């Protein structure tokens, strides 16, 4: 129950932030470690991808980092698959300018 309340609180906060500015993938990585105790790179990644799904289900869009254009598809499975592929290519945990940002229109 406590974890669920934390998830709801974080999603609400990110939705607000995404309406004002953007939410970066790196922020989700930090939350995975600090809020959910993810220790390994795999734990961080799994938690982040589940957070991405939750954001998309709540009306937040995946957008390009440079120009904030929405990705061609917002289907959660396809967005998660693309992030996962690009994360593999990156070869490290995403930082501020990496892979995707999230925005609410």
Protein backbone atom coordinates (compact mmCIF):
# COMPACT_ATOMS: atom_id res chain seq x y z
CA UNK A 1 0.00 0.00 0.00
CA UNK A 2 2.80 2.43 0.88
CA UNK A 3 4.55 1.72 -2.44
CA UNK A 4 1.30 2.32 -4.32
CA UNK A 5 0.80 5.67 -2.61
CA UNK A 6 4.36 6.62 -3.52
CA UNK A 7 3.73 5.66 -7.15
CA UNK A 8 0.54 7.72 -7.29
CA UNK A 9 2.31 10.70 -5.70
CA UNK A 10 5.26 10.50 -8.10
CA UNK A 11 3.00 10.10 -11.17
CA UNK A 12 0.96 13.15 -10.12
CA UNK A 13 4.16 15.16 -9.65
CA UNK A 14 5.59 14.11 -13.01
CA UNK A 15 2.28 14.84 -14.74
CA UNK A 16 2.35 18.36 -13.29
CA UNK A 17 6.00 18.81 -14.29
CA UNK A 18 5.31 17.46 -17.80
CA UNK A 19 2.53 20.02 -18.26
CA UNK A 20 4.91 22.87 -17.37
CA UNK A 21 8.17 21.60 -18.83
CA UNK A 22 9.51 18.11 -19.59
CA UNK A 23 10.37 15.05 -17.53
CA UNK A 24 13.60 13.33 -18.50
CA UNK A 25 14.29 9.63 -18.46
CA UNK A 26 17.17 10.37 -16.10
CA UNK A 27 14.66 11.62 -13.51
CA UNK A 28 12.92 8.26 -13.60
CA UNK A 29 16.29 6.54 -13.14
CA UNK A 30 16.98 8.63 -10.05
CA UNK A 31 13.53 7.85 -8.64
CA UNK A 32 14.03 4.13 -9.29
CA UNK A 33 17.13 4.21 -7.10
CA UNK A 34 16.07 6.73 -4.44
CA UNK A 35 12.35 5.98 -4.08
CA UNK A 36 12.16 2.28 -4.95
CA UNK A 37 15.62 1.13 -3.88
CA UNK A 38 16.78 -0.23 -7.23
CA UNK A 39 20.41 -1.25 -6.82
CA UNK A 40 21.54 -2.90 -10.04
CA UNK A 41 21.38 -1.46 -13.56
CA UNK A 42 18.77 -4.11 -14.41
CA UNK A 43 16.60 -3.18 -11.42
CA UNK A 44 16.80 0.50 -12.39
CA UNK A 45 15.85 -0.28 -15.96
CA UNK A 46 12.91 -2.52 -15.03
CA UNK A 47 11.49 0.08 -12.64
CA UNK A 48 12.01 2.92 -15.14
CA UNK A 49 10.22 1.05 -17.91
CA UNK A 50 7.27 0.37 -15.59
CA UNK A 51 7.20 4.09 -14.69
CA UNK A 52 7.20 4.97 -18.40
CA UNK A 53 4.14 2.76 -18.89
CA UNK A 54 2.38 4.47 -15.98
CA UNK A 55 3.13 7.94 -17.38
CA UNK A 56 1.86 7.00 -20.83
CA UNK A 57 -1.32 5.53 -19.35
CA UNK A 58 -1.88 8.87 -17.62
CA UNK A 59 -1.71 10.99 -20.78
CA UNK A 60 1.96 11.96 -20.83
CA UNK A 61 3.62 11.67 -24.26
CA UNK A 62 7.08 10.49 -25.24
CA UNK A 63 8.76 13.33 -27.17
CA UNK A 64 12.02 13.92 -29.00
CA UNK A 65 14.73 15.44 -26.83
CA UNK A 66 15.81 18.16 -29.24
CA UNK A 67 12.53 19.58 -30.50
CA UNK A 68 9.91 17.98 -28.23
CA UNK A 69 7.97 16.52 -31.17
CA UNK A 70 5.85 13.55 -30.04
CA UNK A 71 7.17 10.16 -31.01
CA UNK A 72 5.22 8.65 -33.94
CA UNK A 73 3.56 6.13 -31.65
CA UNK A 74 2.49 6.52 -28.06
CA UNK A 75 1.57 2.85 -27.65
CA UNK A 76 3.18 1.91 -24.31
CA UNK A 77 4.61 -1.37 -25.61
CA UNK A 78 6.21 0.31 -28.62
CA UNK A 79 7.54 3.23 -26.59
CA UNK A 80 9.05 0.88 -23.99
CA UNK A 81 10.56 -1.27 -26.75
CA UNK A 82 12.15 1.78 -28.41
CA UNK A 83 13.51 3.10 -25.11
CA UNK A 84 14.90 -0.33 -24.32
CA UNK A 85 16.64 -0.58 -27.72
CA UNK A 86 18.10 2.91 -27.43
CA UNK A 87 19.19 2.23 -23.84
CA UNK A 88 21.06 -0.86 -25.10
CA UNK A 89 22.74 1.25 -27.79
CA UNK A 90 23.62 3.94 -25.24
CA UNK A 91 25.37 1.31 -23.12
CA UNK A 92 24.85 3.16 -19.84
CA UNK A 93 22.13 4.71 -17.74
CA UNK A 94 20.47 7.64 -19.53
CA UNK A 95 21.46 11.17 -18.57
CA UNK A 96 19.76 14.53 -19.20
CA UNK A 97 19.98 14.69 -23.03
CA UNK A 98 19.45 10.96 -23.67
CA UNK A 99 16.75 8.98 -25.49
CA UNK A 100 13.42 10.59 -24.63
CA UNK A 101 11.64 13.25 -22.65
CA UNK A 102 8.03 13.22 -21.52
CA UNK A 103 5.57 16.08 -22.01
CA UNK A 104 1.89 16.67 -21.44
CA UNK A 105 0.06 18.86 -23.92
